[in-house]
């Protein structure tokens, strides 16, 4: 995998729905890169380091 992950990849890793990941991005909970798009839906990519940071914070909170 590369350094930029799709919404679907992040959703699969976090075990949530794609819509949840999109909502988190829109709410500013999850930082994402917005790509140029042709259709009406925003295209996001989430940096692997951002996901690792989120996973690390969640792991600490669960202890």
N, C-alpha and C. Protein backbone atom coordinates (compact mmCIF):
# COMPACT_ATOMS: atom_id res chain seq x y z
N UNK A 1 0.84 -1.20 0.00
CA UNK A 1 0.00 0.00 0.00
C UNK A 1 0.87 1.25 0.00
N UNK A 2 0.32 2.29 -0.59
CA UNK A 2 1.06 3.54 -0.65
C UNK A 2 0.84 4.40 0.59
N UNK A 3 1.26 5.64 0.50
CA UNK A 3 1.11 6.55 1.63
C UNK A 3 -0.27 7.19 1.70
N UNK A 4 -1.01 7.15 0.60
CA UNK A 4 -2.37 7.70 0.59
C UNK A 4 -3.37 6.56 0.47
N UNK A 5 -4.35 6.54 1.36
CA UNK A 5 -5.35 5.48 1.38
C UNK A 5 -6.70 6.00 0.92
N UNK A 6 -7.46 5.14 0.26
CA UNK A 6 -8.81 5.52 -0.15
C UNK A 6 -9.75 5.45 1.04
N UNK A 7 -10.92 6.04 0.88
CA UNK A 7 -11.95 5.99 1.92
C UNK A 7 -12.30 4.53 2.23
N UNK A 8 -12.42 3.72 1.20
CA UNK A 8 -12.76 2.30 1.40
C UNK A 8 -11.68 1.55 2.17
N UNK A 9 -10.42 1.84 1.87
CA UNK A 9 -9.33 1.18 2.58
C UNK A 9 -9.34 1.55 4.06
N UNK A 10 -9.54 2.84 4.34
CA UNK A 10 -9.58 3.30 5.73
C UNK A 10 -10.79 2.69 6.45
N UNK A 11 -11.92 2.66 5.78
CA UNK A 11 -13.13 2.07 6.38
C UNK A 11 -12.90 0.61 6.72
N UNK A 12 -12.25 -0.12 5.84
CA UNK A 12 -11.98 -1.54 6.08
C UNK A 12 -11.03 -1.71 7.28
N UNK A 13 -10.00 -0.88 7.36
CA UNK A 13 -9.04 -0.98 8.46
C UNK A 13 -9.70 -0.64 9.79
N UNK A 14 -10.55 0.39 9.79
CA UNK A 14 -11.21 0.82 11.03
C UNK A 14 -12.50 0.05 11.32
N UNK A 15 -12.90 -0.80 10.37
CA UNK A 15 -14.11 -1.61 10.49
C UNK A 15 -15.36 -0.75 10.68
N UNK A 16 -15.46 0.25 9.80
CA UNK A 16 -16.63 1.12 9.76
C UNK A 16 -17.08 1.23 8.31
N UNK A 17 -18.22 1.88 8.10
CA UNK A 17 -18.75 2.08 6.76
C UNK A 17 -18.03 3.23 6.07
N UNK A 18 -18.00 3.22 4.75
CA UNK A 18 -17.41 4.32 3.98
C UNK A 18 -18.03 5.66 4.37
N UNK A 19 -19.34 5.67 4.57
CA UNK A 19 -20.05 6.90 4.92
C UNK A 19 -19.55 7.48 6.24
N UNK A 20 -19.17 6.61 7.16
CA UNK A 20 -18.64 7.06 8.45
C UNK A 20 -17.31 7.77 8.25
N UNK A 21 -16.45 7.20 7.42
CA UNK A 21 -15.15 7.83 7.15
C UNK A 21 -15.37 9.19 6.48
N UNK A 22 -16.27 9.26 5.51
CA UNK A 22 -16.56 10.53 4.84
C UNK A 22 -17.09 11.56 5.83
N UNK A 23 -17.95 11.14 6.74
CA UNK A 23 -18.50 12.05 7.75
C UNK A 23 -17.39 12.57 8.67
N UNK A 24 -16.48 11.68 9.08
CA UNK A 24 -15.37 12.09 9.93
C UNK A 24 -14.49 13.11 9.23
N UNK A 25 -14.27 12.93 7.93
CA UNK A 25 -13.46 13.88 7.16
C UNK A 25 -14.17 15.24 7.13
N UNK A 26 -15.47 15.23 6.83
CA UNK A 26 -16.23 16.49 6.75
C UNK A 26 -16.29 17.20 8.10
N UNK A 27 -16.31 16.43 9.20
CA UNK A 27 -16.37 17.02 10.54
C UNK A 27 -14.99 17.44 11.05
N UNK A 28 -13.95 17.09 10.31
CA UNK A 28 -12.60 17.45 10.73
C UNK A 28 -11.98 16.47 11.71
N UNK A 29 -12.64 15.36 11.96
CA UNK A 29 -12.12 14.34 12.88
C UNK A 29 -10.93 13.61 12.25
N UNK A 30 -11.01 13.42 10.95
CA UNK A 30 -9.98 12.70 10.21
C UNK A 30 -9.48 13.61 9.10
N UNK A 31 -8.19 13.91 9.12
CA UNK A 31 -7.59 14.79 8.11
C UNK A 31 -7.45 14.04 6.79
N UNK A 32 -7.82 14.71 5.70
CA UNK A 32 -7.76 14.08 4.38
C UNK A 32 -7.33 15.07 3.32
N UNK A 33 -6.82 14.53 2.23
CA UNK A 33 -6.47 15.31 1.04
C UNK A 33 -7.68 15.23 0.11
N UNK A 34 -8.14 16.38 -0.38
CA UNK A 34 -9.26 16.41 -1.32
C UNK A 34 -8.69 16.47 -2.73
N UNK A 35 -9.06 15.48 -3.54
CA UNK A 35 -8.57 15.41 -4.91
C UNK A 35 -9.53 16.10 -5.86
N UNK A 36 -9.02 16.58 -6.98
CA UNK A 36 -9.92 17.14 -8.00
C UNK A 36 -10.89 16.05 -8.45
N UNK A 37 -12.14 16.43 -8.67
CA UNK A 37 -13.13 15.43 -9.05
C UNK A 37 -14.05 15.96 -10.14
N UNK A 38 -14.64 15.05 -10.88
CA UNK A 38 -15.51 15.38 -12.00
C UNK A 38 -16.97 15.30 -11.57
N UNK A 39 -17.31 14.29 -10.81
CA UNK A 39 -18.70 14.12 -10.40
C UNK A 39 -19.00 14.90 -9.12
N UNK A 40 -20.17 14.71 -8.56
CA UNK A 40 -20.60 15.52 -7.41
C UNK A 40 -19.99 15.07 -6.10
N UNK A 41 -19.50 13.85 -6.00
CA UNK A 41 -18.96 13.34 -4.74
C UNK A 41 -17.49 13.73 -4.58
N UNK A 42 -17.16 14.24 -3.41
CA UNK A 42 -15.77 14.58 -3.11
C UNK A 42 -14.92 13.30 -3.11
N UNK A 43 -13.69 13.42 -3.57
CA UNK A 43 -12.76 12.30 -3.56
C UNK A 43 -11.69 12.61 -2.53
N UNK A 44 -11.59 11.74 -1.53
CA UNK A 44 -10.64 11.95 -0.43
C UNK A 44 -9.56 10.87 -0.45
N UNK A 45 -8.40 11.25 0.06
CA UNK A 45 -7.33 10.30 0.35
C UNK A 45 -6.84 10.64 1.75
N UNK A 46 -6.64 9.61 2.53
CA UNK A 46 -6.19 9.79 3.91
C UNK A 46 -4.75 9.32 3.99
N UNK A 47 -3.90 10.16 4.58
CA UNK A 47 -2.49 9.81 4.71
C UNK A 47 -2.35 8.66 5.70
N UNK A 48 -1.45 7.73 5.37
CA UNK A 48 -1.22 6.59 6.26
C UNK A 48 -0.79 7.06 7.65
N UNK A 49 0.02 8.11 7.72
CA UNK A 49 0.48 8.61 9.03
C UNK A 49 -0.70 9.14 9.85
N UNK A 50 -1.69 9.74 9.20
CA UNK A 50 -2.88 10.21 9.90
C UNK A 50 -3.64 9.02 10.48
N UNK A 51 -3.80 7.98 9.69
CA UNK A 51 -4.50 6.78 10.17
C UNK A 51 -3.73 6.14 11.31
N UNK A 52 -2.41 6.06 11.19
CA UNK A 52 -1.59 5.48 12.26
C UNK A 52 -1.74 6.28 13.55
N UNK A 53 -1.82 7.60 13.43
CA UNK A 53 -1.99 8.46 14.60
C UNK A 53 -3.35 8.19 15.26
N UNK A 54 -4.39 8.07 14.44
CA UNK A 54 -5.74 7.78 14.96
C UNK A 54 -5.75 6.42 15.64
N UNK A 55 -5.15 5.43 15.00
CA UNK A 55 -5.11 4.09 15.59
C UNK A 55 -4.32 4.09 16.90
N UNK A 56 -3.24 4.85 16.94
CA UNK A 56 -2.44 4.94 18.16
C UNK A 56 -3.20 5.58 19.29
N UNK A 57 -3.94 6.66 19.00
CA UNK A 57 -4.73 7.34 20.03
C UNK A 57 -5.83 6.42 20.53
N UNK A 58 -6.49 5.70 19.63
CA UNK A 58 -7.55 4.78 20.04
C UNK A 58 -6.99 3.66 20.90
N UNK A 59 -5.81 3.17 20.55
CA UNK A 59 -5.20 2.09 21.33
C UNK A 59 -4.89 2.55 22.75
N UNK A 60 -4.41 3.80 22.87
CA UNK A 60 -4.11 4.33 24.19
C UNK A 60 -5.39 4.54 25.02
N UNK A 61 -6.47 4.97 24.38
CA UNK A 61 -7.72 5.22 25.09
C UNK A 61 -8.37 3.93 25.59
N UNK A 62 -8.12 2.82 24.89
CA UNK A 62 -8.75 1.56 25.26
C UNK A 62 -8.06 0.89 26.44
N UNK A 63 -6.85 1.32 26.80
CA UNK A 63 -6.12 0.67 27.89
C UNK A 63 -6.65 1.08 29.23
